[in-house]
């Protein structure tokens, strides 16, 4: 039986697994708040070969997102590894297909946040988060970072920014998400859940 609870869409792209792990931690935070769920989704890779076609169902991890996942969500947590200080191409490609949602105002006044993983500490975490913020603002979404009331933001020795959760994966992408990074992911999920419920009530009152 399909749940009728509102949900936060946790949408990500991951190559080495770190961004996927962060997505699961954000989902954990969302689902710790009563009355709302998390829906994990991913995007297919983008191939430079125009004939290449991704399988309809990924071999592992979350299933691929579709526009209805986004249209009916009460909020969006968007995650990507960094690519030269920017979001990865598969995430940008999916966002570029959402014009119909923009034309219909489907995402207006819904909360949004971003999260990322980089190989180096100064590898573009904040610019990657900002790159994901821009199309969400064009959709009329309400962007929510991480406030400094989260003490892990001041204690972290790896990732973690006020712009959103982040992770230092290391040069071989084998450094696990640490205690502080995990705490910030969970906190971001909780904040998204609370805002999702509160802004839904506001949208219904319009």
Protein backbone atom coordinates (compact mmCIF):
# COMPACT_ATOMS: atom_id res chain seq x y z
CA UNK A 1 0.00 0.00 0.00
CA UNK A 2 1.45 3.37 -1.06
CA UNK A 3 2.11 5.83 1.76
CA UNK A 4 0.19 9.09 1.68
CA UNK A 5 2.76 10.92 3.80
CA UNK A 6 4.48 13.96 2.29
CA UNK A 7 8.10 13.38 1.38
CA UNK A 8 11.41 15.14 0.87
CA UNK A 9 13.06 14.10 -2.39
CA UNK A 10 16.73 13.29 -1.71
CA UNK A 11 18.19 13.36 -5.22
CA UNK A 12 21.85 12.68 -5.87
CA UNK A 13 24.55 11.54 -8.25
CA UNK A 14 27.42 9.46 -6.88
CA UNK A 15 30.42 7.75 -8.46
CA UNK A 16 32.50 6.48 -5.54
CA UNK A 17 29.67 6.15 -3.01
CA UNK A 18 30.33 9.11 -0.73
CA UNK A 19 27.48 11.28 -2.03
CA UNK A 20 25.14 8.29 -1.83
CA UNK A 21 26.15 7.75 1.80
CA UNK A 22 25.45 11.41 2.55
CA UNK A 23 22.05 11.06 0.88
CA UNK A 24 21.20 8.15 3.17
CA UNK A 25 22.20 10.20 6.24
CA UNK A 26 20.04 13.13 5.09
CA UNK A 27 17.14 10.70 4.56
CA UNK A 28 17.72 9.40 8.09
CA UNK A 29 17.38 12.94 9.41
CA UNK A 30 14.20 13.54 7.41
CA UNK A 31 12.57 10.37 8.66
CA UNK A 32 13.38 11.17 12.30
CA UNK A 33 10.69 13.87 12.08
CA UNK A 34 7.13 12.50 12.42
CA UNK A 35 4.70 13.01 9.57
CA UNK A 36 7.09 13.07 6.63
CA UNK A 37 9.22 10.60 4.65
CA UNK A 38 12.35 10.66 2.51
CA UNK A 39 12.38 9.45 -1.08
CA UNK A 40 15.86 8.53 -2.37
CA UNK A 41 16.42 8.92 -6.10
CA UNK A 42 19.43 9.21 -8.41
CA UNK A 43 20.09 10.45 -11.94
CA UNK A 44 21.55 8.39 -14.80
CA UNK A 45 25.10 9.08 -15.96
CA UNK A 46 25.67 11.27 -19.00
CA UNK A 47 27.67 9.61 -21.77
CA UNK A 48 29.82 11.46 -24.33
CA UNK A 49 28.71 8.78 -26.80
CA UNK A 50 25.30 9.85 -28.12
CA UNK A 51 24.23 6.25 -28.82
CA UNK A 52 24.77 5.15 -25.21
CA UNK A 53 21.58 4.45 -23.26
CA UNK A 54 21.43 3.93 -19.49
CA UNK A 55 19.48 0.93 -18.19
CA UNK A 56 15.98 1.77 -16.98
CA UNK A 57 16.87 0.53 -13.49
CA UNK A 58 20.34 1.10 -11.97
CA UNK A 59 22.37 -1.97 -11.04
CA UNK A 60 22.55 -0.77 -7.44
CA UNK A 61 21.37 2.07 -5.23
CA UNK A 62 18.31 4.25 -5.66
CA UNK A 63 16.12 4.17 -8.76
CA UNK A 64 16.24 6.97 -11.31
CA UNK A 65 14.25 10.12 -10.66
CA UNK A 66 11.36 11.29 -12.82
CA UNK A 67 9.57 14.63 -12.95
CA UNK A 68 6.67 13.38 -10.83
CA UNK A 69 9.09 12.64 -7.98
CA UNK A 70 10.03 16.30 -8.04
CA UNK A 71 6.56 17.68 -8.78
CA UNK A 72 4.92 16.01 -5.78
CA UNK A 73 7.79 16.43 -3.31
CA UNK A 74 7.44 18.68 -0.29
CA UNK A 75 11.10 19.65 -0.64
CA UNK A 76 14.34 18.78 -2.41
CA UNK A 77 17.77 17.82 -1.06
CA UNK A 78 20.13 17.82 -4.06
CA UNK A 79 23.54 16.16 -3.94
CA UNK A 80 26.50 15.95 -6.31
CA UNK A 81 30.25 15.41 -6.20
CA UNK A 82 32.19 18.44 -7.36
CA UNK A 83 33.43 18.77 -10.92
CA UNK A 84 35.88 21.69 -11.11
CA UNK A 85 33.89 23.61 -8.51
CA UNK A 86 30.56 22.85 -10.16
CA UNK A 87 27.86 20.19 -9.98
CA UNK A 88 28.40 17.02 -12.01
CA UNK A 89 26.97 16.92 -15.56
CA UNK A 90 24.26 14.30 -14.82
CA UNK A 91 22.72 16.54 -12.14
CA UNK A 92 22.84 19.60 -14.40
CA UNK A 93 21.38 17.59 -17.28
CA UNK A 94 18.39 16.52 -15.20
CA UNK A 95 17.79 20.06 -13.93
CA UNK A 96 17.88 21.29 -17.53
CA UNK A 97 14.90 19.03 -18.31
CA UNK A 98 12.64 20.57 -15.64
CA UNK A 99 11.35 23.53 -17.67
CA UNK A 100 7.78 22.21 -17.54
CA UNK A 101 7.88 22.29 -13.73
CA UNK A 102 9.24 25.83 -13.86
CA UNK A 103 6.51 26.95 -16.28
CA UNK A 104 3.85 25.54 -13.96
CA UNK A 105 5.41 26.94 -10.79
CA UNK A 106 5.42 23.45 -9.32
CA UNK A 107 8.38 24.05 -7.00
CA UNK A 108 7.56 27.53 -5.73
CA UNK A 109 7.80 27.92 -1.93
CA UNK A 110 9.17 24.42 -1.39
CA UNK A 111 12.37 24.10 0.70
CA UNK A 112 15.62 23.05 -0.95
CA UNK A 113 19.15 22.28 0.13
CA UNK A 114 22.34 20.92 -1.42
CA UNK A 115 25.16 18.60 -0.38
CA UNK A 116 28.47 17.62 -1.95
CA UNK A 117 31.66 15.59 -1.68
CA UNK A 118 35.16 16.56 -2.83
CA UNK A 119 38.55 14.85 -2.98
CA UNK A 120 40.35 17.79 -1.36
CA UNK A 121 39.34 20.10 1.46
CA UNK A 122 39.51 23.19 -0.75
CA UNK A 123 38.29 21.41 -3.88
CA UNK A 124 35.28 23.61 -4.54
CA UNK A 125 32.75 22.45 -1.95
CA UNK A 126 31.11 25.83 -1.48
CA UNK A 127 31.07 26.80 -5.16
CA UNK A 128 29.55 23.41 -6.02
CA UNK A 129 26.79 23.98 -3.46
CA UNK A 130 26.16 27.46 -4.86
CA UNK A 131 26.05 26.06 -8.42
CA UNK A 132 23.20 23.76 -7.34
CA UNK A 133 21.47 26.62 -5.54
CA UNK A 134 21.08 28.77 -8.67
CA UNK A 135 18.53 26.66 -10.63
CA UNK A 136 16.60 26.00 -7.42
CA UNK A 137 16.16 29.75 -6.90
CA UNK A 138 14.93 30.04 -10.49
CA UNK A 139 12.29 27.45 -9.58
CA UNK A 140 11.16 29.69 -6.71
CA UNK A 141 12.34 27.29 -4.02
CA UNK A 142 13.32 28.41 -0.51
CA UNK A 143 16.97 27.55 0.04
CA UNK A 144 17.99 26.30 3.48
CA UNK A 145 21.61 25.92 4.52
CA UNK A 146 22.94 24.77 7.90
CA UNK A 147 22.84 27.28 10.76
CA UNK A 148 25.77 27.64 13.15
CA UNK A 149 23.55 26.44 15.97
CA UNK A 150 24.70 23.02 14.72
CA UNK A 151 27.86 22.63 16.79
CA UNK A 152 29.40 20.14 14.35
CA UNK A 153 29.76 23.04 11.92
CA UNK A 154 32.30 24.59 14.29
CA UNK A 155 34.02 21.32 15.24
CA UNK A 156 34.44 19.61 11.89
CA UNK A 157 37.94 18.85 10.61
CA UNK A 158 36.61 17.67 7.25
CA UNK A 159 33.52 18.82 5.38
CA UNK A 160 30.67 20.99 6.55
CA UNK A 161 29.59 24.46 5.42
CA UNK A 162 26.74 26.86 6.17
CA UNK A 163 25.76 26.48 2.50
CA UNK A 164 25.04 22.78 2.99
CA UNK A 165 26.49 19.48 4.11
CA UNK A 166 29.80 18.46 2.54
CA UNK A 167 32.35 15.67 2.79
CA UNK A 168 36.12 15.40 2.37
CA UNK A 169 36.56 12.11 0.49
CA UNK A 170 40.36 12.24 0.17
CA UNK A 171 42.55 11.97 -2.94
CA UNK A 172 41.58 8.31 -3.46
CA UNK A 173 37.93 8.92 -2.54
CA UNK A 174 38.21 6.34 0.23
CA UNK A 175 37.79 8.49 3.34
CA UNK A 176 34.46 7.58 4.97
CA UNK A 177 31.91 10.17 6.04
CA UNK A 178 33.07 11.07 9.53
CA UNK A 179 31.14 11.78 12.72
CA UNK A 180 30.78 15.53 12.21
CA UNK A 181 29.95 15.26 8.52
CA UNK A 182 27.32 12.64 9.31
CA UNK A 183 25.82 14.79 12.06
CA UNK A 184 25.50 17.72 9.67
CA UNK A 185 23.80 15.54 7.05
CA UNK A 186 21.28 14.34 9.63
CA UNK A 187 20.74 17.91 10.86
CA UNK A 188 20.16 19.09 7.31
CA UNK A 189 17.62 16.33 6.79
CA UNK A 190 15.78 17.28 9.96
CA UNK A 191 15.67 20.92 8.93
CA UNK A 192 14.34 20.00 5.50
CA UNK A 193 11.62 17.85 7.06
CA UNK A 194 10.47 20.62 9.40
CA UNK A 195 10.48 23.20 6.63
CA UNK A 196 8.73 20.81 4.27
CA UNK A 197 5.85 20.41 6.69
CA UNK A 198 5.68 24.11 7.60
CA UNK A 199 5.87 25.43 4.03
CA UNK A 200 3.30 22.89 2.83
CA UNK A 201 0.82 24.40 5.26
CA UNK A 202 1.71 27.87 3.97
CA UNK A 203 1.21 26.82 0.33
CA UNK A 204 -2.19 25.34 1.15
CA UNK A 205 -3.22 28.61 2.76
CA UNK A 206 -2.42 30.69 -0.32
